[in-house]
PDB file of all heavy atoms in Angstrom:
ATOM      1  N   PRO A   1      14.181   3.867   3.796  1.00  0.00           N
ATOM      2  CA  PRO A   1      14.279   4.026   5.250  1.00  0.00           C
ATOM      3  C   PRO A   1      14.037   5.445   5.753  1.00  0.00           C
ATOM      4  O   PRO A   1      13.787   5.640   6.941  1.00  0.00           O
ATOM      5  CB  PRO A   1      15.709   3.553   5.521  1.00  0.00           C
ATOM      6  CG  PRO A   1      16.430   3.786   4.207  1.00  0.00           C
ATOM      7  CD  PRO A   1      15.465   3.462   3.159  1.00  0.00           C
ATOM      8  N   LEU A   2      14.069   6.419   4.841  1.00  0.00           N
ATOM      9  CA  LEU A   2      13.847   7.813   5.234  1.00  0.00           C
ATOM     10  C   LEU A   2      12.368   8.211   5.185  1.00  0.00           C
ATOM     11  O   LEU A   2      11.998   9.290   5.671  1.00  0.00           O
ATOM     12  CB  LEU A   2      14.658   8.751   4.354  1.00  0.00           C
ATOM     13  CG  LEU A   2      16.183   8.543   4.393  1.00  0.00           C
ATOM     14  CD1 LEU A   2      16.878   9.547   3.420  1.00  0.00           C
ATOM     15  CD2 LEU A   2      16.700   8.688   5.790  1.00  0.00           C
ATOM     16  N   GLU A   3      11.506   7.333   4.643  1.00  0.00           N
ATOM     17  CA  GLU A   3      10.074   7.638   4.536  1.00  0.00           C
ATOM     18  C   GLU A   3       9.451   7.523   5.919  1.00  0.00           C
ATOM     19  O   GLU A   3       9.534   6.487   6.566  1.00  0.00           O
ATOM     20  CB  GLU A   3       9.436   6.705   3.529  1.00  0.00           C
ATOM     21  CG  GLU A   3       7.927   6.857   3.386  1.00  0.00           C
ATOM     22  CD  GLU A   3       7.588   8.250   2.832  1.00  0.00           C
ATOM     23  OE1 GLU A   3       7.735   8.482   1.639  1.00  0.00           O
ATOM     24  OE2 GLU A   3       7.071   9.074   3.692  1.00  0.00           O
ATOM     25  N   THR A   4       8.751   8.547   6.337  1.00  0.00           N
ATOM     26  CA  THR A   4       8.062   8.542   7.659  1.00  0.00           C
ATOM     27  C   THR A   4       6.581   8.208   7.577  1.00  0.00           C
ATOM     28  O   THR A   4       5.964   7.948   8.583  1.00  0.00           O
ATOM     29  CB  THR A   4       8.278   9.876   8.382  1.00  0.00           C
ATOM     30  OG1 THR A   4       7.689  10.906   7.562  1.00  0.00           O
ATOM     31  CG2 THR A   4       9.746  10.174   8.592  1.00  0.00           C
ATOM     32  N   ARG A   5       6.037   8.260   6.371  1.00  0.00           N
ATOM     33  CA  ARG A   5       4.649   7.949   6.159  1.00  0.00           C
ATOM     34  C   ARG A   5       4.385   6.428   6.164  1.00  0.00           C
ATOM     35  O   ARG A   5       5.312   5.641   5.901  1.00  0.00           O
ATOM     36  CB  ARG A   5       4.087   8.541   4.879  1.00  0.00           C
ATOM     37  CG  ARG A   5       4.111  10.092   4.880  1.00  0.00           C
ATOM     38  CD  ARG A   5       3.747  10.617   3.497  1.00  0.00           C
ATOM     39  NE  ARG A   5       4.785  10.314   2.493  1.00  0.00           N
ATOM     40  CZ  ARG A   5       4.732  10.651   1.218  1.00  0.00           C
ATOM     41  NH1 ARG A   5       3.688  11.363   0.784  1.00  0.00           N
ATOM     42  NH2 ARG A   5       5.695  10.335   0.413  1.00  0.00           N
ATOM     43  N   TYR A   6       3.173   5.991   6.480  1.00  0.00           N
ATOM     44  CA  TYR A   6       2.837   4.606   6.449  1.00  0.00           C
ATOM     45  C   TYR A   6       2.507   4.241   5.037  1.00  0.00           C
ATOM     46  O   TYR A   6       1.902   5.015   4.282  1.00  0.00           O
ATOM     47  CB  TYR A   6       1.627   4.339   7.340  1.00  0.00           C
ATOM     48  CG  TYR A   6       1.914   4.374   8.825  1.00  0.00           C
ATOM     49  CD1 TYR A   6       3.158   4.837   9.313  1.00  0.00           C
ATOM     50  CD2 TYR A   6       0.947   4.008   9.751  1.00  0.00           C
ATOM     51  CE1 TYR A   6       3.426   4.879  10.648  1.00  0.00           C
ATOM     52  CE2 TYR A   6       1.227   4.037  11.107  1.00  0.00           C
ATOM     53  CZ  TYR A   6       2.470   4.489  11.560  1.00  0.00           C
ATOM     54  OH  TYR A   6       2.712   4.524  12.888  1.00  0.00           O
ATOM     55  N   LEU A   7       2.874   3.060   4.637  1.00  0.00           N
ATOM     56  CA  LEU A   7       2.620   2.543   3.298  1.00  0.00           C
ATOM     57  C   LEU A   7       1.524   1.490   3.342  1.00  0.00           C
ATOM     58  O   LEU A   7       1.571   0.563   4.151  1.00  0.00           O
ATOM     59  CB  LEU A   7       3.894   1.919   2.681  1.00  0.00           C
ATOM     60  CG  LEU A   7       3.760   1.092   1.446  1.00  0.00           C
ATOM     61  CD1 LEU A   7       3.346   1.958   0.299  1.00  0.00           C
ATOM     62  CD2 LEU A   7       5.071   0.384   1.098  1.00  0.00           C
ATOM     63  N   VAL A   8       0.559   1.595   2.443  1.00  0.00           N
ATOM     64  CA  VAL A   8      -0.530   0.618   2.332  1.00  0.00           C
ATOM     65  C   VAL A   8      -0.603   0.171   0.852  1.00  0.00           C
ATOM     66  O   VAL A   8      -0.794   1.000  -0.040  1.00  0.00           O
ATOM     67  CB  VAL A   8      -1.886   1.209   2.740  1.00  0.00           C
ATOM     68  CG1 VAL A   8      -2.982   0.179   2.550  1.00  0.00           C
ATOM     69  CG2 VAL A   8      -1.813   1.712   4.194  1.00  0.00           C
ATOM     70  N   ASN A   9      -0.483  -1.128   0.623  1.00  0.00           N
ATOM     71  CA  ASN A   9      -0.677  -1.735  -0.657  1.00  0.00           C
ATOM     72  C   ASN A   9      -1.990  -2.516  -0.645  1.00  0.00           C
ATOM     73  O   ASN A   9      -2.206  -3.317   0.314  1.00  0.00           O
ATOM     74  CB  ASN A   9       0.492  -2.679  -1.049  1.00  0.00           C
ATOM     75  CG  ASN A   9       1.737  -1.959  -1.396  1.00  0.00           C
ATOM     76  OD1 ASN A   9       1.709  -0.862  -1.977  1.00  0.00           O
ATOM     77  ND2 ASN A   9       2.883  -2.474  -1.037  1.00  0.00           N
ATOM     78  N   ALA A  10      -2.900  -2.237  -1.582  1.00  0.00           N
ATOM     79  CA  ALA A  10      -4.196  -2.886  -1.552  1.00  0.00           C
ATOM     80  C   ALA A  10      -4.566  -3.361  -2.930  1.00  0.00           C
ATOM     81  O   ALA A  10      -4.147  -2.777  -3.956  1.00  0.00           O
ATOM     82  CB  ALA A  10      -5.256  -1.928  -1.009  1.00  0.00           C
ATOM     83  N   GLN A  11      -5.352  -4.452  -2.982  1.00  0.00           N
ATOM     84  CA  GLN A  11      -5.815  -5.010  -4.254  1.00  0.00           C
ATOM     85  C   GLN A  11      -7.314  -5.339  -4.143  1.00  0.00           C
ATOM     86  O   GLN A  11      -7.803  -5.626  -3.032  1.00  0.00           O
ATOM     87  CB  GLN A  11      -5.018  -6.215  -4.642  1.00  0.00           C
ATOM     88  CG  GLN A  11      -5.190  -6.722  -6.030  1.00  0.00           C
ATOM     89  CD  GLN A  11      -4.900  -5.683  -7.097  1.00  0.00           C
ATOM     90  OE1 GLN A  11      -5.800  -4.793  -7.353  1.00  0.00           O
ATOM     91  NE2 GLN A  11      -3.757  -5.754  -7.704  1.00  0.00           N
ATOM     92  N   VAL A  12      -8.006  -5.340  -5.260  1.00  0.00           N
ATOM     93  CA  VAL A  12      -9.431  -5.629  -5.266  1.00  0.00           C
ATOM     94  C   VAL A  12      -9.712  -7.109  -4.942  1.00  0.00           C
ATOM     95  O   VAL A  12      -8.911  -8.001  -5.268  1.00  0.00           O
ATOM     96  CB  VAL A  12     -10.061  -5.255  -6.626  1.00  0.00           C
ATOM     97  CG1 VAL A  12      -9.939  -3.771  -6.883  1.00  0.00           C
ATOM     98  CG2 VAL A  12      -9.406  -6.067  -7.729  1.00  0.00           C
ATOM     99  N   GLY A  13     -10.850  -7.355  -4.283  1.00  0.00           N
ATOM    100  CA  GLY A  13     -11.284  -8.703  -3.998  1.00  0.00           C
ATOM    101  C   GLY A  13     -10.258  -9.530  -3.248  1.00  0.00           C
ATOM    102  O   GLY A  13      -9.578  -9.025  -2.334  1.00  0.00           O
ATOM    103  N   ASP A  14     -10.081 -10.751  -3.655  1.00  0.00           N
ATOM    104  CA  ASP A  14      -9.086 -11.598  -3.065  1.00  0.00           C
ATOM    105  C   ASP A  14      -7.868 -11.798  -3.896  1.00  0.00           C
ATOM    106  O   ASP A  14      -7.116 -12.721  -3.791  1.00  0.00           O
ATOM    107  CB  ASP A  14      -9.681 -12.976  -2.666  1.00  0.00           C
ATOM    108  CG  ASP A  14     -10.180 -13.749  -3.846  1.00  0.00           C
ATOM    109  OD1 ASP A  14     -10.164 -13.209  -4.995  1.00  0.00           O
ATOM    110  OD2 ASP A  14     -10.607 -14.913  -3.658  1.00  0.00           O
ATOM    111  N   GLU A  15      -7.724 -10.886  -4.921  1.00  0.00           N
ATOM    112  CA  GLU A  15      -6.559 -10.951  -5.797  1.00  0.00           C
ATOM    113  C   GLU A  15      -5.289 -10.697  -4.944  1.00  0.00           C
ATOM    114  O   GLU A  15      -5.293  -9.930  -4.020  1.00  0.00           O
ATOM    115  CB  GLU A  15      -6.624  -9.862  -6.861  1.00  0.00           C
ATOM    116  CG  GLU A  15      -7.727 -10.113  -7.939  1.00  0.00           C
ATOM    117  CD  GLU A  15      -7.380 -11.211  -8.876  1.00  0.00           C
ATOM    118  OE1 GLU A  15      -6.151 -11.611  -8.944  1.00  0.00           O
ATOM    119  OE2 GLU A  15      -8.286 -11.746  -9.532  1.00  0.00           O
ATOM    120  N   ALA A  16      -4.227 -11.363  -5.329  1.00  0.00           N
ATOM    121  CA  ALA A  16      -2.995 -11.312  -4.549  1.00  0.00           C
ATOM    122  C   ALA A  16      -2.401  -9.881  -4.644  1.00  0.00           C
ATOM    123  O   ALA A  16      -2.353  -9.237  -5.690  1.00  0.00           O
ATOM    124  CB  ALA A  16      -1.992 -12.278  -5.083  1.00  0.00           C
ATOM    125  N   VAL A  17      -1.956  -9.388  -3.496  1.00  0.00           N
ATOM    126  CA  VAL A  17      -1.283  -8.103  -3.487  1.00  0.00           C
ATOM    127  C   VAL A  17       0.083  -8.193  -4.173  1.00  0.00           C
ATOM    128  O   VAL A  17       0.524  -7.259  -4.837  1.00  0.00           O
ATOM    129  CB  VAL A  17      -1.119  -7.556  -2.019  1.00  0.00           C
ATOM    130  CG1 VAL A  17      -0.362  -6.268  -1.969  1.00  0.00           C
ATOM    131  CG2 VAL A  17      -2.507  -7.414  -1.377  1.00  0.00           C
ATOM    132  N   VAL A  18       0.747  -9.301  -3.961  1.00  0.00           N
ATOM    133  CA  VAL A  18       2.008  -9.571  -4.613  1.00  0.00           C
ATOM    134  C   VAL A  18       1.823 -10.669  -5.624  1.00  0.00           C
ATOM    135  O   VAL A  18       1.372 -11.757  -5.292  1.00  0.00           O
ATOM    136  CB  VAL A  18       3.078  -9.997  -3.554  1.00  0.00           C
ATOM    137  CG1 VAL A  18       4.397 -10.276  -4.286  1.00  0.00           C
ATOM    138  CG2 VAL A  18       3.260  -8.925  -2.533  1.00  0.00           C
ATOM    139  N   SER A  19       2.100 -10.375  -6.865  1.00  0.00           N
ATOM    140  CA  SER A  19       1.823 -11.344  -7.952  1.00  0.00           C
ATOM    141  C   SER A  19       2.973 -11.308  -8.938  1.00  0.00           C
ATOM    142  O   SER A  19       3.618 -10.293  -9.179  1.00  0.00           O
ATOM    143  CB  SER A  19       0.534 -11.032  -8.627  1.00  0.00           C
ATOM    144  OG  SER A  19       0.324 -11.819  -9.777  1.00  0.00           O
ATOM    145  N   ASN A  20       3.233 -12.450  -9.572  1.00  0.00           N
ATOM    146  CA  ASN A  20       4.204 -12.498 -10.661  1.00  0.00           C
ATOM    147  C   ASN A  20       3.637 -11.966 -11.951  1.00  0.00           C
ATOM    148  O   ASN A  20       4.352 -11.849 -12.953  1.00  0.00           O
ATOM    149  CB  ASN A  20       4.649 -13.940 -10.877  1.00  0.00           C
ATOM    150  CG  ASN A  20       5.465 -14.503  -9.697  1.00  0.00           C
ATOM    151  OD1 ASN A  20       6.195 -13.721  -9.037  1.00  0.00           O
ATOM    152  ND2 ASN A  20       5.345 -15.774  -9.371  1.00  0.00           N
ATOM    153  N   ASP A  21       2.362 -11.672 -11.970  1.00  0.00           N
ATOM    154  CA  ASP A  21       1.720 -11.108 -13.152  1.00  0.00           C
ATOM    155  C   ASP A  21       1.857  -9.593 -13.165  1.00  0.00           C
ATOM    156  O   ASP A  21       1.340  -8.874 -12.270  1.00  0.00           O
ATOM    157  CB  ASP A  21       0.238 -11.438 -13.108  1.00  0.00           C
ATOM    158  CG  ASP A  21      -0.464 -11.148 -14.448  1.00  0.00           C
ATOM    159  OD1 ASP A  21       0.016 -10.261 -15.158  1.00  0.00           O
ATOM    160  OD2 ASP A  21      -1.561 -11.734 -14.709  1.00  0.00           O
ATOM    161  N   ALA A  22       2.625  -9.096 -14.132  1.00  0.00           N
ATOM    162  CA  ALA A  22       2.939  -7.667 -14.180  1.00  0.00           C
ATOM    163  C   ALA A  22       1.696  -6.798 -14.463  1.00  0.00           C
ATOM    164  O   ALA A  22       1.731  -5.582 -14.203  1.00  0.00           O
ATOM    165  CB  ALA A  22       3.968  -7.414 -15.259  1.00  0.00           C
ATOM    166  N   SER A  23       0.601  -7.429 -14.891  1.00  0.00           N
ATOM    167  CA  SER A  23      -0.607  -6.676 -15.127  1.00  0.00           C
ATOM    168  C   SER A  23      -1.448  -6.532 -13.859  1.00  0.00           C
ATOM    169  O   SER A  23      -2.458  -5.782 -13.874  1.00  0.00           O
ATOM    170  CB  SER A  23      -1.438  -7.352 -16.251  1.00  0.00           C
ATOM    171  OG  SER A  23      -1.914  -8.623 -15.774  1.00  0.00           O
ATOM    172  N   HIS A  24      -1.055  -7.190 -12.780  1.00  0.00           N
ATOM    173  CA  HIS A  24      -1.821  -7.103 -11.536  1.00  0.00           C
ATOM    174  C   HIS A  24      -1.046  -6.228 -10.561  1.00  0.00           C
ATOM    175  O   HIS A  24      -0.362  -6.693  -9.596  1.00  0.00           O
ATOM    176  CB  HIS A  24      -2.017  -8.520 -10.948  1.00  0.00           C
ATOM    177  CG  HIS A  24      -3.022  -9.291 -11.718  1.00  0.00           C
ATOM    178  ND1 HIS A  24      -3.665 -10.430 -11.144  1.00  0.00           N
ATOM    179  CD2 HIS A  24      -3.517  -9.225 -12.964  1.00  0.00           C
ATOM    180  CE1 HIS A  24      -4.511 -10.930 -12.018  1.00  0.00           C
ATOM    181  NE2 HIS A  24      -4.421 -10.204 -13.119  1.00  0.00           N
ATOM    182  N   VAL A  25      -1.131  -4.953 -10.733  1.00  0.00           N
ATOM    183  CA  VAL A  25      -0.376  -3.964  -9.897  1.00  0.00           C
ATOM    184  C   VAL A  25      -1.311  -3.464  -8.818  1.00  0.00           C
ATOM    185  O   VAL A  25      -2.409  -2.989  -9.077  1.00  0.00           O
ATOM    186  CB  VAL A  25       0.114  -2.763 -10.770  1.00  0.00           C
ATOM    187  CG1 VAL A  25       0.825  -1.761  -9.852  1.00  0.00           C
ATOM    188  CG2 VAL A  25       1.026  -3.252 -11.875  1.00  0.00           C
ATOM    189  N   PRO A  26      -0.854  -3.554  -7.568  1.00  0.00           N
ATOM    190  CA  PRO A  26      -1.748  -3.108  -6.494  1.00  0.00           C
ATOM    191  C   PRO A  26      -1.785  -1.573  -6.264  1.00  0.00           C
ATOM    192  O   PRO A  26      -0.859  -0.917  -6.750  1.00  0.00           O
ATOM    193  CB  PRO A  26      -1.125  -3.794  -5.245  1.00  0.00           C
ATOM    194  CG  PRO A  26       0.311  -3.874  -5.546  1.00  0.00           C
ATOM    195  CD  PRO A  26       0.384  -4.138  -7.035  1.00  0.00           C
ATOM    196  N   GLU A  27      -2.794  -1.144  -5.586  1.00  0.00           N
ATOM    197  CA  GLU A  27      -2.854   0.291  -5.211  1.00  0.00           C
ATOM    198  C   GLU A  27      -1.789   0.569  -4.158  1.00  0.00           C
ATOM    199  O   GLU A  27      -1.462  -0.254  -3.315  1.00  0.00           O
ATOM    200  CB  GLU A  27      -4.265   0.549  -4.611  1.00  0.00           C
ATOM    201  CG  GLU A  27      -4.460   1.952  -4.053  1.00  0.00           C
ATOM    202  CD  GLU A  27      -5.908   2.145  -3.591  1.00  0.00           C
ATOM    203  OE1 GLU A  27      -6.777   2.184  -4.436  1.00  0.00           O
ATOM    204  OE2 GLU A  27      -6.116   2.154  -2.338  1.00  0.00           O
ATOM    205  N   LYS A  28      -1.223   1.764  -4.234  1.00  0.00           N
ATOM    206  CA  LYS A  28      -0.232   2.209  -3.239  1.00  0.00           C
ATOM    207  C   LYS A  28      -0.621   3.524  -2.635  1.00  0.00           C
ATOM    208  O   LYS A  28      -0.828   4.509  -3.417  1.00  0.00           O
ATOM    209  CB  LYS A  28       1.132   2.332  -3.914  1.00  0.00           C
ATOM    210  CG  LYS A  28       2.247   2.800  -2.976  1.00  0.00           C
ATOM    211  CD  LYS A  28       3.585   2.894  -3.720  1.00  0.00           C
ATOM    212  CE  LYS A  28       4.703   3.404  -2.795  1.00  0.00           C
ATOM    213  NZ  LYS A  28       5.973   3.497  -3.543  1.00  0.00           N
ATOM    214  N   ASP A  29      -0.802   3.540  -1.370  1.00  0.00           N
ATOM    215  CA  ASP A  29      -1.183   4.763  -0.632  1.00  0.00           C
ATOM    216  C   ASP A  29      -0.201   5.058   0.484  1.00  0.00           C
ATOM    217  O   ASP A  29       0.320   4.135   1.143  1.00  0.00           O
ATOM    218  CB  ASP A  29      -2.599   4.590  -0.005  1.00  0.00           C
ATOM    219  CG  ASP A  29      -3.634   4.248  -1.031  1.00  0.00           C
ATOM    220  OD1 ASP A  29      -3.739   4.937  -2.060  1.00  0.00           O
ATOM    221  OD2 ASP A  29      -4.358   3.264  -0.813  1.00  0.00           O
ATOM    222  N   LEU A  30       0.081   6.327   0.710  1.00  0.00           N
ATOM    223  CA  LEU A  30       0.963   6.780   1.752  1.00  0.00           C
ATOM    224  C   LEU A  30       0.192   7.610   2.752  1.00  0.00           C
ATOM    225  O   LEU A  30      -0.505   8.563   2.386  1.00  0.00           O
ATOM    226  CB  LEU A  30       2.142   7.554   1.165  1.00  0.00           C
ATOM    227  CG  LEU A  30       3.105   6.738   0.305  1.00  0.00           C
ATOM    228  CD1 LEU A  30       3.996   7.664  -0.505  1.00  0.00           C
ATOM    229  CD2 LEU A  30       3.912   5.803   1.158  1.00  0.00           C
ATOM    230  N   LEU A  31       0.272   7.254   4.017  1.00  0.00           N
ATOM    231  CA  LEU A  31      -0.468   7.912   5.084  1.00  0.00           C
ATOM    232  C   LEU A  31       0.479   8.689   6.032  1.00  0.00           C
ATOM    233  O   LEU A  31       1.385   8.117   6.555  1.00  0.00           O
ATOM    234  CB  LEU A  31      -1.281   6.912   5.911  1.00  0.00           C
ATOM    235  CG  LEU A  31      -2.083   5.846   5.174  1.00  0.00           C
ATOM    236  CD1 LEU A  31      -2.818   4.952   6.124  1.00  0.00           C
ATOM    237  CD2 LEU A  31      -3.029   6.471   4.159  1.00  0.00           C
ATOM    238  N   GLN A  32       0.160   9.992   6.173  1.00  0.00           N
ATOM    239  CA  GLN A  32       0.930  10.783   7.124  1.00  0.00           C
ATOM    240  C   GLN A  32       0.154  10.831   8.417  1.00  0.00           C
ATOM    241  O   GLN A  32      -1.073  11.166   8.428  1.00  0.00           O
ATOM    242  CB  GLN A  32       1.114  12.189   6.575  1.00  0.00           C
ATOM    243  CG  GLN A  32       1.966  13.120   7.556  1.00  0.00           C
ATOM    244  CD  GLN A  32       2.123  14.477   6.957  1.00  0.00           C
ATOM    245  OE1 GLN A  32       1.887  14.782   5.789  1.00  0.00           O
ATOM    246  NE2 GLN A  32       2.577  15.422   7.804  1.00  0.00           N
ATOM    247  N   LEU A  33       0.808  10.470   9.498  1.00  0.00           N
ATOM    248  CA  LEU A  33       0.149  10.399  10.801  1.00  0.00           C
ATOM    249  C   LEU A  33       0.713  11.421  11.788  1.00  0.00           C
ATOM    250  O   LEU A  33       1.891  11.720  11.788  1.00  0.00           O
ATOM    251  CB  LEU A  33       0.298   9.010  11.392  1.00  0.00           C
ATOM    252  CG  LEU A  33      -0.742   7.935  11.055  1.00  0.00           C
ATOM    253  CD1 LEU A  33      -0.558   7.514   9.598  1.00  0.00           C
ATOM    254  CD2 LEU A  33      -0.624   6.723  11.955  1.00  0.00           C
ATOM    255  N   VAL A  34      -0.166  11.909  12.604  1.00  0.00           N
ATOM    256  CA  VAL A  34       0.244  12.767  13.743  1.00  0.00           C
ATOM    257  C   VAL A  34      -0.530  12.269  14.976  1.00  0.00           C
ATOM    258  O   VAL A  34      -1.728  12.192  14.946  1.00  0.00           O
ATOM    259  CB  VAL A  34      -0.093  14.273  13.488  1.00  0.00           C
ATOM    260  CG1 VAL A  34       0.160  15.070  14.723  1.00  0.00           C
ATOM    261  CG2 VAL A  34       0.685  14.786  12.300  1.00  0.00           C
ATOM    262  N   ASP A  35       0.179  11.907  16.014  1.00  0.00           N
ATOM    263  CA  ASP A  35      -0.399  11.321  17.237  1.00  0.00           C
ATOM    264  C   ASP A  35      -1.310  10.139  16.903  1.00  0.00           C
ATOM    265  O   ASP A  35      -2.333   9.991  17.489  1.00  0.00           O
ATOM    266  CB  ASP A  35      -1.200  12.405  17.967  1.00  0.00           C
ATOM    267  CG  ASP A  35      -0.292  13.539  18.475  1.00  0.00           C
ATOM    268  OD1 ASP A  35       0.872  13.276  18.761  1.00  0.00           O
ATOM    269  OD2 ASP A  35      -0.800  14.643  18.534  1.00  0.00           O
ATOM    270  N   GLY A  36      -0.850   9.301  15.947  1.00  0.00           N
ATOM    271  CA  GLY A  36      -1.584   8.069  15.610  1.00  0.00           C
ATOM    272  C   GLY A  36      -2.806   8.294  14.736  1.00  0.00           C
ATOM    273  O   GLY A  36      -3.513   7.294  14.444  1.00  0.00           O
ATOM    274  N   LYS A  37      -3.027   9.507  14.267  1.00  0.00           N
ATOM    275  CA  LYS A  37      -4.135   9.799  13.426  1.00  0.00           C
ATOM    276  C   LYS A  37      -3.746  10.250  12.033  1.00  0.00           C
ATOM    277  O   LYS A  37      -2.741  10.998  11.906  1.00  0.00           O
ATOM    278  CB  LYS A  37      -5.063  10.860  14.056  1.00  0.00           C
ATOM    279  CG  LYS A  37      -5.682  10.416  15.363  1.00  0.00           C
ATOM    280  CD  LYS A  37      -6.546  11.522  15.912  1.00  0.00           C
ATOM    281  CE  LYS A  37      -7.187  11.124  17.253  1.00  0.00           C
ATOM    282  NZ  LYS A  37      -8.077  12.153  17.818  1.00  0.00           N
ATOM    283  N   VAL A  38      -4.406   9.761  10.994  1.00  0.00           N
ATOM    284  CA  VAL A  38      -4.087  10.137   9.626  1.00  0.00           C
ATOM    285  C   VAL A  38      -4.474  11.560   9.350  1.00  0.00           C
ATOM    286  O   VAL A  38      -5.649  11.985   9.535  1.00  0.00           O
ATOM    287  CB  VAL A  38      -4.816   9.182   8.600  1.00  0.00           C
ATOM    288  CG1 VAL A  38      -4.498   9.616   7.189  1.00  0.00           C
ATOM    289  CG2 VAL A  38      -4.409   7.777   8.835  1.00  0.00           C
TER     290      VAL A  38
END
């Protein structure tokens, strides 16, 4: 709750972002914004 950056989880193709398969880990990116711009 203290994180002010935006969180983006992404995965290749149409692979599920959330999966029960531990080998399918999505990309995690954090975006810092000022006045709505990264």
